[in-house]
Amino acid sequence: MSSSKPAAETLGTTFNKIWSAAMVSKFADGLVGAAIPLLAASLTRDPVLIAIQSNMIMLPWLLFAIPLGALLDRLNRRFVMLLVQLTRVLIGATIAELIITNNITLWALMLLTFIFGVSEVVYDTATQSTIPSLLKGHQLERGNSRMQIADTVMQSFVGVPLGAFIYAIYSYLPFVGIACFYVIAIGLVTSISKTAMQDDDSYNLARPALKTEIIEGLKYLWNDKVLFRLVLATGSVGFFYAMGQATLVLFILDHLHVSEALYGWVMVPLAIGSLVGAFASPKLSARFGRSKALSYSLPGASIALLAAGLSPNVYFFMIASTFHGFFIAQWNILLMSTYHGMIPNEIFGRIHGTRRTLVWGLMPIAGLIGGLLGRIDITLPMIVGGVGAVIIAVSQSKFIRSIRS
């Protein structure tokens, strides 16, 4: 009987409510992930403009992640998450209205995508800051795995294919759906107790100045050499990933000759690989150790990215995407579990914001480079990005394997 208890151990009511809200939100995110690139491609076929548009969602990580992370260490996370979901409702409704009235422009889409990116910074940081306070150390892989599965199933399996399909029917419909499903997410977050996501005294304003807390967070990251090197390694690979995927929609539509209606289905193998990787991640971590499993996942994902860029046809691309999804899901789960174990929860928002600034903040620059490469040949961004990612991932594998869990 004792051996069955860990498997039956609940992750808690608050975590389950956050996970349920994530399920609904990720479905809406899937509609966004399909509809916005297709809408952008209908407005321009310039690889540079497409790259800029696709990276507008990442730009807020460069500009706002550190101060917003520090704010979330002192504000009520539940209230902030509700505010973010309301903003997303308005974004979806606004884009739908602009399409219906034939007033949508690429510049308006860029602005609204940027605002959506700001909401991503806030919501992601609030969620990730909450998880280590709700779960015990041995539950982290399970909790992060469930969040990854929510992401994969609802976003990649359901949201993206459906978003592309209904976009091909009426281009405004996915954005109406976005607004509706974020309303449902608001209801789920509202059901969470006001103090369940953090202690009462953790978000009072009677604390040192925000600038002081930001500096403290930066010093903590700088002084923890293992954590800092891990962030730099992740950021370097992420730079090349962003370069490779900046013009992905044009690669699929124009190079692989896939129709808009089938665009989402081409992404399904990525979701299949991600789902398998999410389920396998806790088991691989338990068998081989978190750091060792982590050290294999990053090179595997990078090699798969390069293989996708070299795809001679859509079928080869879908096979490569399956492996990419498998390894990148493992990486995301194990990396986040590593961070949750390394970073004190009371400063997690600041550290999370700082590392995301370094990792994701450089992605718009990489995306612009990818767009310029795409003007030469639409396959170059994925090939050059894949080669760069493989070199960095392989060179850092030994270091990652040495990190103590």
Protein backbone atom coordinates (compact mmCIF):
# COMPACT_ATOMS: atom_id res chain seq x y z
CA MET A 1 0.00 0.00 0.00
CA SER A 2 2.81 2.44 0.78
CA SER A 3 4.16 2.29 -2.77
CA SER A 4 0.81 3.46 -4.17
CA LYS A 5 0.57 6.63 -2.10
CA PRO A 6 2.94 8.87 -4.10
CA ALA A 7 1.04 8.15 -7.33
CA ALA A 8 -2.28 9.05 -5.67
CA GLU A 9 -0.97 12.22 -3.99
CA THR A 10 -3.02 15.23 -5.00
CA LEU A 11 -1.36 18.42 -6.21
CA GLY A 12 -3.90 20.53 -4.35
CA THR A 13 -7.11 22.41 -5.11
CA THR A 14 -5.44 25.71 -6.00
CA PHE A 15 -3.01 24.08 -8.42
CA ASN A 16 -5.87 22.19 -10.07
CA LYS A 17 -7.82 25.41 -10.55
CA ILE A 18 -4.77 27.14 -12.04
CA TRP A 19 -4.29 24.12 -14.30
CA SER A 20 -7.95 24.23 -15.39
CA ALA A 21 -7.64 27.93 -16.21
CA ALA A 22 -4.47 27.08 -18.16
CA MET A 23 -6.36 24.45 -20.17
CA VAL A 24 -8.90 27.01 -21.35
CA SER A 25 -6.30 29.75 -21.85
CA LYS A 26 -4.04 27.45 -23.87
CA PHE A 27 -6.90 26.59 -26.20
CA ALA A 28 -7.36 30.31 -26.83
CA ASP A 29 -3.58 30.64 -27.23
CA GLY A 30 -3.77 27.94 -29.91
CA LEU A 31 -6.33 29.97 -31.83
CA VAL A 32 -3.95 32.93 -31.54
CA GLY A 33 -0.98 30.81 -32.63
CA ALA A 34 -2.70 29.82 -35.87
CA ALA A 35 -4.79 32.87 -36.72
CA ILE A 36 -2.28 35.68 -36.16
CA PRO A 37 0.49 34.26 -38.43
CA LEU A 38 -2.06 33.49 -41.15
CA LEU A 39 -3.57 36.95 -40.83
CA ALA A 40 -0.09 38.50 -41.05
CA ALA A 41 0.71 36.39 -44.14
CA SER A 42 -2.48 37.69 -45.77
CA LEU A 43 -1.27 41.26 -45.23
CA THR A 44 2.34 40.82 -46.44
CA ARG A 45 4.68 38.19 -47.85
CA ASP A 46 7.84 40.13 -46.91
CA PRO A 47 9.97 37.79 -44.73
CA VAL A 48 11.37 40.71 -42.71
CA LEU A 49 7.93 42.12 -41.89
CA ILE A 50 6.65 38.62 -41.07
CA ALA A 51 9.66 38.10 -38.78
CA ILE A 52 9.05 41.42 -37.03
CA GLN A 53 5.36 40.61 -36.60
CA SER A 54 6.03 37.10 -35.27
CA ASN A 55 8.46 38.46 -32.69
CA MET A 56 6.28 41.31 -31.44
CA ILE A 57 4.90 38.84 -28.89
CA MET A 58 8.46 38.30 -27.57
CA LEU A 59 9.58 41.94 -27.49
CA PRO A 60 7.84 42.70 -24.14
CA TRP A 61 10.14 40.15 -22.47
CA LEU A 62 13.07 42.39 -23.39
CA LEU A 63 11.39 45.62 -22.33
CA PHE A 64 9.26 44.74 -19.32
CA ALA A 65 10.08 41.30 -17.89
CA ILE A 66 12.38 42.52 -15.09
CA PRO A 67 10.17 45.33 -13.68
CA LEU A 68 6.99 43.29 -14.12
CA GLY A 69 8.62 40.31 -12.42
CA ALA A 70 9.58 42.52 -9.47
CA LEU A 71 6.05 43.92 -9.28
CA LEU A 72 4.57 40.43 -9.22
CA ASP A 73 6.69 39.64 -6.14
CA ARG A 74 4.71 42.30 -4.29
CA LEU A 75 1.24 42.33 -5.93
CA ASN A 76 -1.70 39.94 -5.60
CA ARG A 77 -1.09 37.44 -8.39
CA ARG A 78 -4.74 36.42 -8.64
CA PHE A 79 -5.88 39.99 -9.27
CA VAL A 80 -3.14 40.51 -11.86
CA MET A 81 -4.06 37.30 -13.69
CA LEU A 82 -7.69 38.42 -13.87
CA LEU A 83 -6.64 41.78 -15.29
CA VAL A 84 -4.49 40.06 -17.91
CA GLN A 85 -7.31 37.76 -19.03
CA LEU A 86 -9.64 40.75 -19.39
CA THR A 87 -7.02 42.45 -21.58
CA ARG A 88 -6.86 39.34 -23.79
CA VAL A 89 -10.64 39.38 -24.20
CA LEU A 90 -10.44 42.95 -25.47
CA ILE A 91 -7.57 42.11 -27.85
CA GLY A 92 -9.50 39.26 -29.45
CA ALA A 93 -12.65 41.37 -29.80
CA THR A 94 -10.69 44.30 -31.27
CA ILE A 95 -8.96 42.21 -33.96
CA ALA A 96 -12.28 40.58 -34.90
CA GLU A 97 -13.91 44.02 -35.22
CA LEU A 98 -11.06 45.35 -37.39
CA ILE A 99 -11.31 42.36 -39.74
CA ILE A 100 -15.11 42.60 -40.03
CA THR A 101 -14.94 46.34 -40.82
CA ASN A 102 -12.01 45.79 -43.23
CA ASN A 103 -9.79 48.13 -41.20
CA ILE A 104 -7.09 45.65 -40.19
CA THR A 105 -3.54 46.62 -41.09
CA LEU A 106 -0.20 44.97 -40.42
CA TRP A 107 0.77 47.83 -38.10
CA ALA A 108 -2.42 47.49 -36.06
CA LEU A 109 -1.84 43.75 -35.83
CA MET A 110 1.74 44.34 -34.66
CA LEU A 111 0.53 46.71 -31.93
CA LEU A 112 -2.15 44.32 -30.68
CA THR A 113 0.29 41.39 -30.81
CA PHE A 114 2.72 43.44 -28.72
CA ILE A 115 0.02 44.14 -26.12
CA PHE A 116 -0.80 40.44 -26.09
CA GLY A 117 2.90 39.79 -25.52
CA VAL A 118 2.84 42.06 -22.46
CA SER A 119 -0.06 40.03 -21.10
CA GLU A 120 1.98 36.85 -21.68
CA VAL A 121 4.85 38.26 -19.61
CA VAL A 122 2.55 38.99 -16.69
CA TYR A 123 0.48 35.80 -16.81
CA ASP A 124 3.41 33.44 -17.32
CA THR A 125 5.46 35.04 -14.55
CA ALA A 126 2.52 35.00 -12.13
CA THR A 127 1.81 31.33 -12.86
CA GLN A 128 5.42 30.17 -12.62
CA SER A 129 5.98 32.20 -9.44
CA THR A 130 3.01 30.47 -7.84
CA ILE A 131 3.81 26.83 -8.65
CA PRO A 132 6.78 26.34 -6.26
CA SER A 133 4.70 27.74 -3.39
CA LEU A 134 1.91 25.21 -4.07
CA LEU A 135 3.94 22.07 -4.74
CA LYS A 136 6.57 20.12 -2.83
CA GLY A 137 9.96 19.45 -4.36
CA HIS A 138 9.13 15.91 -5.49
CA GLN A 139 5.90 17.18 -7.09
CA LEU A 140 7.53 19.74 -9.38
CA GLU A 141 8.00 17.44 -12.37
CA ARG A 142 4.41 16.22 -12.07
CA GLY A 143 3.05 19.75 -11.80
CA ASN A 144 5.14 21.16 -14.64
CA SER A 145 4.35 18.08 -16.72
CA ARG A 146 0.62 18.69 -16.29
CA MET A 147 1.06 22.32 -17.32
CA GLN A 148 3.03 21.21 -20.37
CA ILE A 149 0.34 18.66 -21.25
CA ALA A 150 -2.33 21.39 -20.97
CA ASP A 151 -0.22 23.50 -23.30
CA THR A 152 0.26 20.67 -25.80
CA VAL A 153 -3.23 19.17 -25.87
CA MET A 154 -5.32 22.34 -25.77
CA GLN A 155 -3.01 24.63 -27.73
CA SER A 156 -1.25 22.44 -30.28
CA PHE A 157 -3.66 19.52 -30.68
CA VAL A 158 -6.93 21.44 -30.53
CA GLY A 159 -6.42 25.21 -30.75
CA VAL A 160 -3.93 25.49 -33.63
CA PRO A 161 -5.60 23.07 -36.09
CA LEU A 162 -9.07 24.41 -35.31
CA GLY A 163 -7.87 28.01 -35.47
CA ALA A 164 -6.36 27.51 -38.93
CA PHE A 165 -9.45 25.66 -40.16
CA ILE A 166 -11.99 28.27 -39.05
CA TYR A 167 -9.69 31.10 -40.16
CA ALA A 168 -9.91 29.68 -43.70
CA ILE A 169 -13.73 29.88 -43.43
CA TYR A 170 -14.09 33.34 -41.84
CA SER A 171 -10.89 35.08 -40.80
CA TYR A 172 -12.52 36.86 -37.84
CA LEU A 173 -13.96 33.71 -36.20
CA PRO A 174 -10.79 32.60 -34.33
CA PHE A 175 -10.57 36.01 -32.69
CA VAL A 176 -14.19 35.87 -31.56
CA GLY A 177 -13.36 32.46 -30.08
CA ILE A 178 -10.31 33.93 -28.33
CA ALA A 179 -12.45 36.51 -26.55
CA CYS A 180 -15.05 33.93 -25.49
CA PHE A 181 -12.60 31.41 -24.05
CA TYR A 182 -10.62 34.00 -22.11
CA VAL A 183 -13.92 34.99 -20.48
CA ILE A 184 -14.24 31.37 -19.29
CA ALA A 185 -10.67 31.53 -17.96
CA ILE A 186 -11.61 34.65 -15.99
CA GLY A 187 -14.36 32.67 -14.26
CA LEU A 188 -11.94 29.89 -13.32
CA VAL A 189 -9.33 32.26 -11.88
CA THR A 190 -12.08 34.09 -9.96
CA SER A 191 -12.89 30.80 -8.17
CA ILE A 192 -9.39 30.78 -6.59
CA SER A 193 -9.15 32.22 -3.09
CA LYS A 194 -7.61 35.71 -2.92
CA THR A 195 -4.78 34.50 -0.67
CA ALA A 196 -4.30 30.97 -2.02
CA MET A 197 -1.53 31.88 -4.45
CA GLN A 198 0.76 33.59 -1.92
CA ASP A 199 0.94 34.69 1.70
CA ASP A 200 -0.85 37.87 2.71
CA ASP A 201 2.36 39.69 3.57
CA SER A 202 4.17 38.76 0.34
CA TYR A 203 2.33 41.32 -1.79
CA ASN A 204 2.11 44.31 0.52
CA LEU A 205 3.72 47.53 -0.68
CA ALA A 206 5.56 48.26 2.60
CA ARG A 207 8.77 46.89 1.15
CA PRO A 208 11.99 48.33 -0.21
CA ALA A 209 11.75 50.45 -3.34
CA LEU A 210 11.03 48.56 -6.55
CA LYS A 211 14.41 49.60 -7.97
CA THR A 212 16.13 48.17 -4.89
CA GLU A 213 14.37 44.83 -5.24
CA ILE A 214 15.22 44.67 -8.97
CA ILE A 215 18.90 45.26 -8.17
CA GLU A 216 18.76 42.58 -5.46
CA GLY A 217 17.36 40.12 -7.99
CA LEU A 218 20.04 40.98 -10.55
CA LYS A 219 22.78 40.55 -7.94
CA TYR A 220 21.36 37.19 -6.88
CA LEU A 221 21.43 35.93 -10.46
CA TRP A 222 24.94 37.30 -11.09
CA ASN A 223 26.35 35.77 -7.89
CA ASP A 224 24.86 32.33 -8.51
CA LYS A 225 27.30 31.29 -11.23
CA VAL A 226 25.60 27.97 -12.02
CA LEU A 227 22.19 29.61 -12.39
CA PHE A 228 23.65 32.47 -14.43
CA ARG A 229 25.48 30.12 -16.81
CA LEU A 230 22.34 28.04 -17.24
CA VAL A 231 20.41 31.17 -18.18
CA LEU A 232 23.10 32.21 -20.68
CA ALA A 233 23.19 28.75 -22.26
CA THR A 234 19.40 28.70 -22.57
CA GLY A 235 19.38 32.23 -23.97
CA SER A 236 21.99 31.42 -26.60
CA VAL A 237 20.05 28.41 -27.87
CA GLY A 238 16.81 30.38 -27.72
CA PHE A 239 18.39 33.08 -29.88
CA PHE A 240 18.99 30.57 -32.68
CA TYR A 241 15.56 28.98 -32.18
CA ALA A 242 13.93 32.38 -32.71
CA MET A 243 16.02 32.93 -35.81
CA GLY A 244 14.94 29.58 -37.19
CA GLN A 245 11.24 29.99 -36.52
CA ALA A 246 10.82 33.67 -37.37
CA THR A 247 9.44 32.98 -40.86
CA LEU A 248 7.98 29.54 -40.15
CA VAL A 249 4.55 30.43 -41.55
CA LEU A 250 6.11 31.33 -44.92
CA PHE A 251 8.29 28.21 -44.82
CA ILE A 252 5.16 26.06 -44.45
CA LEU A 253 2.90 27.97 -46.84
CA ASP A 254 5.36 28.84 -49.62
CA HIS A 255 8.21 26.32 -49.38
CA LEU A 256 6.25 23.23 -48.32
CA HIS A 257 3.18 24.39 -50.32
CA VAL A 258 0.63 23.82 -47.56
CA SER A 259 -2.78 25.50 -47.76
CA GLU A 260 -4.03 27.83 -45.01
CA ALA A 261 -6.74 25.34 -43.99
CA LEU A 262 -4.12 22.60 -43.49
CA TYR A 263 -1.53 24.84 -41.81
CA GLY A 264 -2.61 23.82 -38.31
CA TRP A 265 -2.55 20.11 -39.12
CA VAL A 266 1.08 20.34 -40.19
CA MET A 267 1.81 21.41 -36.60
CA VAL A 268 0.03 18.39 -35.06
CA PRO A 269 3.12 16.11 -35.14
CA LEU A 270 4.92 18.73 -33.03
CA ALA A 271 2.07 18.43 -30.54
CA ILE A 272 2.24 14.62 -30.59
CA GLY A 273 5.94 14.70 -29.81
CA SER A 274 5.38 17.29 -27.08
CA LEU A 275 2.65 15.23 -25.46
CA VAL A 276 4.81 12.09 -25.39
CA GLY A 277 7.73 14.14 -24.07
CA ALA A 278 5.57 15.67 -21.34
CA PHE A 279 4.40 12.25 -20.13
CA ALA A 280 7.91 10.79 -20.36
CA SER A 281 9.69 13.67 -18.63
CA PRO A 282 8.95 12.76 -14.96
CA LYS A 283 9.82 9.12 -15.63
CA LEU A 284 13.10 9.95 -17.38
CA SER A 285 13.99 12.38 -14.59
CA ALA A 286 13.33 9.72 -11.95
CA ARG A 287 15.33 7.08 -13.80
CA PHE A 288 18.37 9.05 -15.01
CA GLY A 289 18.31 12.16 -12.82
CA ARG A 290 16.95 15.57 -13.76
CA SER A 291 20.24 17.09 -14.91
CA LYS A 292 21.27 14.14 -17.07
CA ALA A 293 17.89 14.00 -18.80
CA LEU A 294 18.07 17.78 -19.24
CA SER A 295 21.50 17.56 -20.87
CA TYR A 296 20.21 15.20 -23.59
CA SER A 297 16.98 17.04 -24.37
CA LEU A 298 18.51 20.32 -25.57
CA PRO A 299 20.86 18.82 -28.23
CA GLY A 300 18.03 16.52 -29.35
CA ALA A 301 15.65 19.44 -29.87
CA SER A 302 18.31 21.44 -31.71
CA ILE A 303 19.16 18.61 -34.10
CA ALA A 304 15.45 18.16 -34.83
CA LEU A 305 15.12 21.89 -35.60
CA LEU A 306 17.96 21.65 -38.12
CA ALA A 307 16.40 18.55 -39.68
CA ALA A 308 13.09 20.41 -40.08
CA GLY A 309 14.89 23.22 -41.92
CA LEU A 310 16.44 20.70 -44.31
CA SER A 311 13.06 19.09 -45.05
CA PRO A 312 12.57 18.32 -48.78
CA ASN A 313 8.81 17.95 -48.28
CA VAL A 314 6.05 18.40 -45.72
CA TYR A 315 6.15 14.75 -44.59
CA PHE A 316 9.84 14.94 -43.62
CA PHE A 317 9.09 18.23 -41.84
CA MET A 318 6.30 16.61 -39.82
CA ILE A 319 8.58 13.73 -38.76
CA ALA A 320 11.33 16.14 -37.69
CA SER A 321 8.72 18.22 -35.83
CA THR A 322 7.64 15.16 -33.86
CA PHE A 323 11.15 14.68 -32.49
CA HIS A 324 11.51 18.42 -31.89
CA GLY A 325 8.32 18.43 -29.83
CA PHE A 326 9.43 15.40 -27.82
CA PHE A 327 12.76 16.90 -26.77
CA ILE A 328 11.62 20.50 -26.32
CA ALA A 329 8.78 19.42 -24.00
CA GLN A 330 11.27 17.53 -21.83
CA TRP A 331 13.59 20.53 -21.82
CA ASN A 332 10.84 22.95 -20.77
CA ILE A 333 9.56 20.72 -17.95
CA LEU A 334 12.94 19.75 -16.54
CA LEU A 335 14.38 23.25 -16.88
CA MET A 336 11.45 24.85 -15.07
CA SER A 337 11.64 22.20 -12.33
CA THR A 338 15.36 22.98 -11.99
CA TYR A 339 14.65 26.71 -11.66
CA HIS A 340 11.89 26.06 -9.12
CA GLY A 341 14.37 24.11 -7.04
CA MET A 342 17.18 26.67 -7.33
CA ILE A 343 15.38 30.02 -6.87
CA PRO A 344 13.75 31.13 -3.57
CA ASN A 345 10.04 31.75 -4.12
CA GLU A 346 10.07 35.22 -2.52
CA ILE A 347 12.32 36.51 -5.34
CA PHE A 348 11.18 34.13 -8.08
CA GLY A 349 9.30 36.83 -10.03
CA ARG A 350 12.40 39.03 -10.28
CA ILE A 351 14.70 36.16 -11.27
CA HIS A 352 12.13 34.73 -13.68
CA GLY A 353 11.71 38.14 -15.28
CA THR A 354 15.46 38.68 -15.52
CA ARG A 355 16.20 35.31 -17.08
CA ARG A 356 13.31 35.67 -19.51
CA THR A 357 14.68 39.09 -20.48
CA LEU A 358 18.00 37.45 -21.33
CA VAL A 359 16.46 34.35 -22.94
CA TRP A 360 13.39 35.71 -24.72
CA GLY A 361 14.31 39.38 -24.89
CA LEU A 362 16.95 38.75 -27.54
CA MET A 363 14.55 36.74 -29.69
CA PRO A 364 13.14 39.75 -31.61
CA ILE A 365 16.70 40.59 -32.72
CA ALA A 366 17.22 36.98 -33.77
CA GLY A 367 13.86 37.06 -35.55
CA LEU A 368 14.90 40.12 -37.55
CA ILE A 369 18.09 38.33 -38.61
CA GLY A 370 15.94 35.35 -39.58
CA GLY A 371 13.75 37.63 -41.69
CA LEU A 372 16.76 39.03 -43.53
CA LEU A 373 18.00 35.49 -44.19
CA GLY A 374 14.51 34.62 -45.41
CA ARG A 375 14.73 37.27 -48.09
CA ILE A 376 17.70 35.37 -49.52
CA ASP A 377 16.09 31.94 -49.20
CA ILE A 378 13.13 31.01 -47.01
CA THR A 379 14.93 27.84 -45.83
CA LEU A 380 17.99 29.72 -44.52
CA PRO A 381 16.53 30.90 -41.17
CA MET A 382 15.85 27.33 -39.99
CA ILE A 383 19.13 25.96 -41.35
CA VAL A 384 21.34 28.68 -39.87
CA GLY A 385 19.32 28.73 -36.64
CA GLY A 386 19.48 24.95 -36.39
CA VAL A 387 23.25 24.84 -36.88
CA GLY A 388 23.81 27.54 -34.26
CA ALA A 389 21.49 25.83 -31.76
CA VAL A 390 23.22 22.47 -32.22
CA ILE A 391 26.67 23.97 -31.61
CA ILE A 392 25.61 25.74 -28.40
CA ALA A 393 23.54 22.81 -27.09
CA VAL A 394 26.30 20.25 -27.59
CA SER A 395 28.98 22.51 -26.09
CA GLN A 396 26.89 23.10 -22.92
CA SER A 397 25.71 19.51 -22.46
CA LYS A 398 28.47 18.54 -19.99
CA PHE A 399 27.84 21.63 -17.84
CA ILE A 400 24.08 20.99 -17.70
CA ARG A 401 24.68 17.36 -16.71
CA SER A 402 26.82 18.57 -13.77
CA ILE A 403 24.04 20.71 -12.23
CA ARG A 404 22.88 19.30 -8.90
CA SER A 405 19.13 18.83 -8.68
